[in-house]
Amino acid sequence: MEVSEEVKRKAENLLKDGKVKKEVETDKRTHFKVQGETEVHSVIFDKVKNEWECDCAYSTLKQGYCSHIEAARLLLKK
């Protein structure tokens, strides 16, 4: 998936600032908590479907790839 430079920058800052935490990992999913600007967001990676989801308004309303998902993805890659 194509990620904009703005989303990448925001995600890198979230990770650098320690705002991304892996909460729970199962055989099928990995759950993250990401501290956004105003609230904590729940990010889930579905290993079976190889899909990401976030409960933030941007991701939910625009079905977009948000900075919270990108930050969790970067943490997972580490």
PDB file of N, CA and C in Angstrom:
ATOM      1  N   MET A   1       0.844  -1.189   0.000  1.00  0.00           N
ATOM      2  CA  MET A   1       0.000   0.000   0.000  1.00  0.00           C
ATOM      3  C   MET A   1       0.884   1.247   0.000  1.00  0.00           C
ATOM      4  N   GLU A   2       0.490   2.222  -0.783  1.00  0.00           N
ATOM      5  CA  GLU A   2       1.227   3.476  -0.882  1.00  0.00           C
ATOM      6  C   GLU A   2       0.948   4.344   0.337  1.00  0.00           C
ATOM      7  N   VAL A   3       2.003   4.857   0.946  1.00  0.00           N
ATOM      8  CA  VAL A   3       1.878   5.674   2.150  1.00  0.00           C
ATOM      9  C   VAL A   3       2.423   7.064   1.846  1.00  0.00           C
ATOM     10  N   SER A   4       1.651   8.097   2.165  1.00  0.00           N
ATOM     11  CA  SER A   4       2.093   9.469   1.892  1.00  0.00           C
ATOM     12  C   SER A   4       3.254   9.844   2.805  1.00  0.00           C
ATOM     13  N   GLU A   5       4.006  10.836   2.377  1.00  0.00           N
ATOM     14  CA  GLU A   5       5.144  11.314   3.176  1.00  0.00           C
ATOM     15  C   GLU A   5       4.676  11.853   4.529  1.00  0.00           C
ATOM     16  N   GLU A   6       3.521  12.511   4.555  1.00  0.00           N
ATOM     17  CA  GLU A   6       2.994  13.050   5.807  1.00  0.00           C
ATOM     18  C   GLU A   6       2.662  11.926   6.794  1.00  0.00           C
ATOM     19  N   VAL A   7       2.023  10.867   6.310  1.00  0.00           N
ATOM     20  CA  VAL A   7       1.686   9.731   7.165  1.00  0.00           C
ATOM     21  C   VAL A   7       2.967   9.070   7.677  1.00  0.00           C
ATOM     22  N   LYS A   8       3.962   8.907   6.798  1.00  0.00           N
ATOM     23  CA  LYS A   8       5.243   8.323   7.213  1.00  0.00           C
ATOM     24  C   LYS A   8       5.897   9.159   8.306  1.00  0.00           C
ATOM     25  N   ARG A   9       5.916  10.470   8.125  1.00  0.00           N
ATOM     26  CA  ARG A   9       6.544  11.376   9.095  1.00  0.00           C
ATOM     27  C   ARG A   9       5.842  11.296  10.446  1.00  0.00           C
ATOM     28  N   LYS A  10       4.516  11.343  10.433  1.00  0.00           N
ATOM     29  CA  LYS A  10       3.751  11.263  11.680  1.00  0.00           C
ATOM     30  C   LYS A  10       4.005   9.921  12.377  1.00  0.00           C
ATOM     31  N   ALA A  11       4.034   8.840  11.600  1.00  0.00           N
ATOM     32  CA  ALA A  11       4.257   7.508  12.159  1.00  0.00           C
ATOM     33  C   ALA A  11       5.640   7.396  12.792  1.00  0.00           C
ATOM     34  N   GLU A  12       6.647   7.905  12.112  1.00  0.00           N
ATOM     35  CA  GLU A  12       8.008   7.866  12.647  1.00  0.00           C
ATOM     36  C   GLU A  12       8.101   8.645  13.953  1.00  0.00           C
ATOM     37  N   ASN A  13       7.406   9.784  14.030  1.00  0.00           N
ATOM     38  CA  ASN A  13       7.401  10.576  15.262  1.00  0.00           C
ATOM     39  C   ASN A  13       6.684   9.841  16.398  1.00  0.00           C
ATOM     40  N   LEU A  14       5.570   9.185  16.086  1.00  0.00           N
ATOM     41  CA  LEU A  14       4.850   8.414  17.106  1.00  0.00           C
ATOM     42  C   LEU A  14       5.756   7.326  17.675  1.00  0.00           C
ATOM     43  N   LEU A  15       6.458   6.649  16.802  1.00  0.00           N
ATOM     44  CA  LEU A  15       7.351   5.570  17.226  1.00  0.00           C
ATOM     45  C   LEU A  15       8.520   6.126  18.042  1.00  0.00           C
ATOM     46  N   LYS A  16       9.125   7.196  17.543  1.00  0.00           N
ATOM     47  CA  LYS A  16      10.271   7.818  18.218  1.00  0.00           C
ATOM     48  C   LYS A  16       9.891   8.321  19.606  1.00  0.00           C
ATOM     49  N   ASP A  17       8.671   8.825  19.749  1.00  0.00           N
ATOM     50  CA  ASP A  17       8.198   9.376  21.023  1.00  0.00           C
ATOM     51  C   ASP A  17       7.667   8.305  21.971  1.00  0.00           C
ATOM     52  N   GLY A  18       7.754   7.045  21.583  1.00  0.00           N
ATOM     53  CA  GLY A  18       7.319   5.951  22.450  1.00  0.00           C
ATOM     54  C   GLY A  18       5.816   5.841  22.612  1.00  0.00           C
ATOM     55  N   LYS A  19       5.070   6.261  21.610  1.00  0.00           N
ATOM     56  CA  LYS A  19       3.610   6.275  21.696  1.00  0.00           C
ATOM     57  C   LYS A  19       2.948   5.042  21.086  1.00  0.00           C
ATOM     58  N   VAL A  20       3.752   4.036  20.733  1.00  0.00           N
ATOM     59  CA  VAL A  20       3.228   2.819  20.118  1.00  0.00           C
ATOM     60  C   VAL A  20       3.603   1.630  20.996  1.00  0.00           C
ATOM     61  N   LYS A  21       2.605   0.865  21.413  1.00  0.00           N
ATOM     62  CA  LYS A  21       2.842  -0.289  22.283  1.00  0.00           C
ATOM     63  C   LYS A  21       2.130  -1.516  21.727  1.00  0.00           C
ATOM     64  N   LYS A  22       2.863  -2.628  21.694  1.00  0.00           N
ATOM     65  CA  LYS A  22       2.225  -3.889  21.320  1.00  0.00           C
ATOM     66  C   LYS A  22       1.560  -4.405  22.581  1.00  0.00           C
ATOM     67  N   GLU A  23       0.261  -4.651  22.517  1.00  0.00           N
ATOM     68  CA  GLU A  23      -0.513  -5.062  23.682  1.00  0.00           C
ATOM     69  C   GLU A  23      -0.636  -6.577  23.803  1.00  0.00           C
ATOM     70  N   VAL A  24      -1.144  -7.200  22.750  1.00  0.00           N
ATOM     71  CA  VAL A  24      -1.442  -8.634  22.774  1.00  0.00           C
ATOM     72  C   VAL A  24      -1.099  -9.230  21.412  1.00  0.00           C
ATOM     73  N   GLU A  25      -0.522 -10.427  21.440  1.00  0.00           N
ATOM     74  CA  GLU A  25      -0.273 -11.131  20.183  1.00  0.00           C
ATOM     75  C   GLU A  25      -0.800 -12.550  20.310  1.00  0.00           C
ATOM     76  N   THR A  26      -1.594 -12.957  19.318  1.00  0.00           N
ATOM     77  CA  THR A  26      -2.107 -14.324  19.255  1.00  0.00           C
ATOM     78  C   THR A  26      -1.637 -14.939  17.942  1.00  0.00           C
ATOM     79  N   ASP A  27      -2.058 -16.146  17.679  1.00  0.00           N
ATOM     80  CA  ASP A  27      -1.694 -16.799  16.418  1.00  0.00           C
ATOM     81  C   ASP A  27      -2.267 -16.065  15.211  1.00  0.00           C
ATOM     82  N   LYS A  28      -3.417 -15.402  15.415  1.00  0.00           N
ATOM     83  CA  LYS A  28      -4.112 -14.790  14.286  1.00  0.00           C
ATOM     84  C   LYS A  28      -4.016 -13.267  14.228  1.00  0.00           C
ATOM     85  N   ARG A  29      -3.773 -12.616  15.376  1.00  0.00           N
ATOM     86  CA  ARG A  29      -3.787 -11.153  15.405  1.00  0.00           C
ATOM     87  C   ARG A  29      -2.737 -10.582  16.336  1.00  0.00           C
ATOM     88  N   THR A  30      -2.346  -9.346  16.027  1.00  0.00           N
ATOM     89  CA  THR A  30      -1.509  -8.564  16.926  1.00  0.00           C
ATOM     90  C   THR A  30      -2.246  -7.261  17.199  1.00  0.00           C
ATOM     91  N   HIS A  31      -2.395  -6.917  18.482  1.00  0.00           N
ATOM     92  CA  HIS A  31      -3.110  -5.711  18.896  1.00  0.00           C
ATOM     93  C   HIS A  31      -2.112  -4.676  19.418  1.00  0.00           C
ATOM     94  N   PHE A  32      -2.311  -3.439  18.993  1.00  0.00           N
ATOM     95  CA  PHE A  32      -1.461  -2.329  19.413  1.00  0.00           C
ATOM     96  C   PHE A  32      -2.317  -1.216  20.006  1.00  0.00           C
ATOM     97  N   LYS A  33      -1.712  -0.411  20.869  1.00  0.00           N
ATOM     98  CA  LYS A  33      -2.304   0.838  21.334  1.00  0.00           C
ATOM     99  C   LYS A  33      -1.376   1.949  20.872  1.00  0.00           C
ATOM    100  N   VAL A  34      -1.948   2.971  20.239  1.00  0.00           N
ATOM    101  CA  VAL A  34      -1.160   4.084  19.722  1.00  0.00           C
ATOM    102  C   VAL A  34      -1.741   5.380  20.276  1.00  0.00           C
ATOM    103  N   GLN A  35      -0.910   6.153  20.973  1.00  0.00           N
ATOM    104  CA  GLN A  35      -1.352   7.432  21.538  1.00  0.00           C
ATOM    105  C   GLN A  35      -1.341   8.475  20.433  1.00  0.00           C
ATOM    106  N   GLY A  36      -2.527   8.868  20.002  1.00  0.00           N
ATOM    107  CA  GLY A  36      -2.644   9.909  18.989  1.00  0.00           C
ATOM    108  C   GLY A  36      -2.571  11.286  19.636  1.00  0.00           C
ATOM    109  N   GLU A  37      -2.931  12.311  18.882  1.00  0.00           N
ATOM    110  CA  GLU A  37      -2.866  13.679  19.403  1.00  0.00           C
ATOM    111  C   GLU A  37      -3.843  13.911  20.549  1.00  0.00           C
ATOM    112  N   THR A  38      -5.017  13.284  20.470  1.00  0.00           N
ATOM    113  CA  THR A  38      -6.032  13.546  21.498  1.00  0.00           C
ATOM    114  C   THR A  38      -6.530  12.298  22.214  1.00  0.00           C
ATOM    115  N   GLU A  39      -6.298  11.117  21.650  1.00  0.00           N
ATOM    116  CA  GLU A  39      -6.793   9.897  22.288  1.00  0.00           C
ATOM    117  C   GLU A  39      -5.947   8.689  21.897  1.00  0.00           C
ATOM    118  N   VAL A  40      -6.153   7.597  22.608  1.00  0.00           N
ATOM    119  CA  VAL A  40      -5.446   6.351  22.318  1.00  0.00           C
ATOM    120  C   VAL A  40      -6.253   5.555  21.302  1.00  0.00           C
ATOM    121  N   HIS A  41      -5.567   5.068  20.277  1.00  0.00           N
ATOM    122  CA  HIS A  41      -6.233   4.313  19.213  1.00  0.00           C
ATOM    123  C   HIS A  41      -5.853   2.847  19.279  1.00  0.00           C
ATOM    124  N   SER A  42      -6.797   2.015  18.890  1.00  0.00           N
ATOM    125  CA  SER A  42      -6.593   0.582  18.826  1.00  0.00           C
ATOM    126  C   SER A  42      -6.284   0.205  17.386  1.00  0.00           C
ATOM    127  N   VAL A  43      -5.135  -0.449  17.199  1.00  0.00           N
ATOM    128  CA  VAL A  43      -4.716  -0.896  15.872  1.00  0.00           C
ATOM    129  C   VAL A  43      -4.576  -2.412  15.920  1.00  0.00           C
ATOM    130  N   ILE A  44      -5.129  -3.075  14.924  1.00  0.00           N
ATOM    131  CA  ILE A  44      -5.082  -4.542  14.881  1.00  0.00           C
ATOM    132  C   ILE A  44      -4.502  -4.985  13.541  1.00  0.00           C
ATOM    133  N   PHE A  45      -3.560  -5.919  13.619  1.00  0.00           N
ATOM    134  CA  PHE A  45      -3.042  -6.557  12.415  1.00  0.00           C
ATOM    135  C   PHE A  45      -3.574  -7.977  12.379  1.00  0.00           C
ATOM    136  N   ASP A  46      -4.350  -8.286  11.343  1.00  0.00           N
ATOM    137  CA  ASP A  46      -4.900  -9.624  11.147  1.00  0.00           C
ATOM    138  C   ASP A  46      -3.895 -10.421  10.326  1.00  0.00           C
ATOM    139  N   LYS A  47      -3.221 -11.368  10.969  1.00  0.00           N
ATOM    140  CA  LYS A  47      -2.173 -12.155  10.304  1.00  0.00           C
ATOM    141  C   LYS A  47      -2.744 -13.072   9.229  1.00  0.00           C
ATOM    142  N   VAL A  48      -3.950 -13.558   9.432  1.00  0.00           N
ATOM    143  CA  VAL A  48      -4.571 -14.478   8.479  1.00  0.00           C
ATOM    144  C   VAL A  48      -4.908 -13.747   7.171  1.00  0.00           C
ATOM    145  N   LYS A  49      -5.537 -12.586   7.294  1.00  0.00           N
ATOM    146  CA  LYS A  49      -5.942 -11.808   6.123  1.00  0.00           C
ATOM    147  C   LYS A  49      -4.851 -10.860   5.636  1.00  0.00           C
ATOM    148  N   ASN A  50      -3.783 -10.696   6.459  1.00  0.00           N
ATOM    149  CA  ASN A  50      -2.719  -9.745   6.161  1.00  0.00           C
ATOM    150  C   ASN A  50      -3.296  -8.336   5.972  1.00  0.00           C
ATOM    151  N   GLU A  51      -4.161  -7.939   6.936  1.00  0.00           N
ATOM    152  CA  GLU A  51      -4.840  -6.640   6.872  1.00  0.00           C
ATOM    153  C   GLU A  51      -4.685  -5.887   8.186  1.00  0.00           C
ATOM    154  N   TRP A  52      -4.649  -4.569   8.060  1.00  0.00           N
ATOM    155  CA  TRP A  52      -4.558  -3.672   9.212  1.00  0.00           C
ATOM    156  C   TRP A  52      -5.879  -2.934   9.387  1.00  0.00           C
ATOM    157  N   GLU A  53      -6.219  -2.610  10.648  1.00  0.00           N
ATOM    158  CA  GLU A  53      -7.368  -1.735  10.901  1.00  0.00           C
ATOM    159  C   GLU A  53      -7.078  -0.865  12.120  1.00  0.00           C
ATOM    160  N   CYS A  54      -7.648   0.315  12.100  1.00  0.00           N
ATOM    161  CA  CYS A  54      -7.502   1.275  13.192  1.00  0.00           C
ATOM    162  C   CYS A  54      -8.866   1.881  13.467  1.00  0.00           C
ATOM    163  N   ASP A  55      -9.102   2.246  14.740  1.00  0.00           N
ATOM    164  CA  ASP A  55     -10.399   2.816  15.097  1.00  0.00           C
ATOM    165  C   ASP A  55     -10.446   4.342  14.990  1.00  0.00           C
ATOM    166  N   CYS A  56      -9.409   4.970  14.437  1.00  0.00           N
ATOM    167  CA  CYS A  56      -9.424   6.438  14.323  1.00  0.00           C
ATOM    168  C   CYS A  56     -10.397   6.882  13.231  1.00  0.00           C
ATOM    169  N   ALA A  57     -10.819   8.135  13.311  1.00  0.00           N
ATOM    170  CA  ALA A  57     -11.790   8.674  12.360  1.00  0.00           C
ATOM    171  C   ALA A  57     -11.260   8.648  10.929  1.00  0.00           C
ATOM    172  N   TYR A  58      -9.995   8.975  10.745  1.00  0.00           N
ATOM    173  CA  TYR A  58      -9.414   8.990   9.393  1.00  0.00           C
ATOM    174  C   TYR A  58      -9.516   7.608   8.753  1.00  0.00           C
ATOM    175  N   SER A  59      -9.074   6.619   9.476  1.00  0.00           N
ATOM    176  CA  SER A  59      -9.085   5.255   8.939  1.00  0.00           C
ATOM    177  C   SER A  59     -10.509   4.737   8.766  1.00  0.00           C
ATOM    178  N   THR A  60     -11.364   5.019   9.733  1.00  0.00           N
ATOM    179  CA  THR A  60     -12.738   4.518   9.700  1.00  0.00           C
ATOM    180  C   THR A  60     -13.569   5.195   8.612  1.00  0.00           C
ATOM    181  N   LEU A  61     -13.516   6.512   8.541  1.00  0.00           N
ATOM    182  CA  LEU A  61     -14.361   7.249   7.598  1.00  0.00           C
ATOM    183  C   LEU A  61     -13.823   7.218   6.172  1.00  0.00           C
ATOM    184  N   LYS A  62     -12.514   7.360   6.036  1.00  0.00           N
ATOM    185  CA  LYS A  62     -11.930   7.417   4.694  1.00  0.00           C
ATOM    186  C   LYS A  62     -11.365   6.077   4.259  1.00  0.00           C
ATOM    187  N   GLN A  63     -11.412   5.115   5.164  1.00  0.00           N
ATOM    188  CA  GLN A  63     -10.844   3.789   4.913  1.00  0.00           C
ATOM    189  C   GLN A  63      -9.422   3.928   4.396  1.00  0.00           C
ATOM    190  N   GLY A  64      -8.704   4.847   5.067  1.00  0.00           N
ATOM    191  CA  GLY A  64      -7.335   5.139   4.665  1.00  0.00           C
ATOM    192  C   GLY A  64      -6.309   4.490   5.554  1.00  0.00           C
ATOM    193  N   TYR A  65      -5.098   4.510   5.087  1.00  0.00           N
ATOM    194  CA  TYR A  65      -3.955   3.960   5.805  1.00  0.00           C
ATOM    195  C   TYR A  65      -3.395   5.092   6.652  1.00  0.00           C
ATOM    196  N   CYS A  66      -3.706   5.089   7.938  1.00  0.00           N
ATOM    197  CA  CYS A  66      -3.372   6.211   8.819  1.00  0.00           C
ATOM    198  C   CYS A  66      -1.984   6.073   9.436  1.00  0.00           C
ATOM    199  N   SER A  67      -1.549   7.136  10.104  1.00  0.00           N
ATOM    200  CA  SER A  67      -0.235   7.142  10.752  1.00  0.00           C
ATOM    201  C   SER A  67      -0.174   6.149  11.915  1.00  0.00           C
ATOM    202  N   HIS A  68      -1.313   5.854  12.533  1.00  0.00           N
ATOM    203  CA  HIS A  68      -1.333   4.895  13.647  1.00  0.00           C
ATOM    204  C   HIS A  68      -0.996   3.495  13.140  1.00  0.00           C
ATOM    205  N   ILE A  69      -1.586   3.120  11.998  1.00  0.00           N
ATOM    206  CA  ILE A  69      -1.292   1.824  11.386  1.00  0.00           C
ATOM    207  C   ILE A  69       0.169   1.775  10.956  1.00  0.00           C
ATOM    208  N   GLU A  70       0.643   2.838  10.316  1.00  0.00           N
ATOM    209  CA  GLU A  70       2.027   2.858   9.851  1.00  0.00           C
ATOM    210  C   GLU A  70       2.996   2.767  11.029  1.00  0.00           C
ATOM    211  N   ALA A  71       2.692   3.441  12.133  1.00  0.00           N
ATOM    212  CA  ALA A  71       3.553   3.383  13.315  1.00  0.00           C
ATOM    213  C   ALA A  71       3.587   1.965  13.897  1.00  0.00           C
ATOM    214  N   ALA A  72       2.447   1.307  13.965  1.00  0.00           N
ATOM    215  CA  ALA A  72       2.385  -0.070  14.470  1.00  0.00           C
ATOM    216  C   ALA A  72       3.133  -1.009  13.519  1.00  0.00           C
ATOM    217  N   ARG A  73       3.010  -0.766  12.228  1.00  0.00           N
ATOM    218  CA  ARG A  73       3.720  -1.587  11.235  1.00  0.00           C
ATOM    219  C   ARG A  73       5.232  -1.432  11.390  1.00  0.00           C
ATOM    220  N   LEU A  74       5.674  -0.197  11.618  1.00  0.00           N
ATOM    221  CA  LEU A  74       7.113   0.047  11.826  1.00  0.00           C
ATOM    222  C   LEU A  74       7.609  -0.655  13.089  1.00  0.00           C
ATOM    223  N   LEU A  75       6.812  -0.624  14.162  1.00  0.00           N
ATOM    224  CA  LEU A  75       7.194  -1.298  15.395  1.00  0.00           C
ATOM    225  C   LEU A  75       7.293  -2.801  15.159  1.00  0.00           C
ATOM    226  N   LEU A  76       6.362  -3.346  14.424  1.00  0.00           N
ATOM    227  CA  LEU A  76       6.351  -4.783  14.146  1.00  0.00           C
ATOM    228  C   LEU A  76       7.578  -5.213  13.335  1.00  0.00           C
ATOM    229  N   LYS A  77       8.045  -4.323  12.458  1.00  0.00           N
ATOM    230  CA  LYS A  77       9.210  -4.625  11.625  1.00  0.00           C
ATOM    231  C   LYS A  77      10.518  -4.652  12.424  1.00  0.00           C
ATOM    232  N   LYS A  78      10.537  -3.966  13.575  1.00  0.00           N
ATOM    233  CA  LYS A  78      11.769  -3.884  14.389  1.00  0.00           C
ATOM    234  C   LYS A  78      12.167  -5.214  14.951  1.00  0.00           C
TER     235      LYS A  78
END
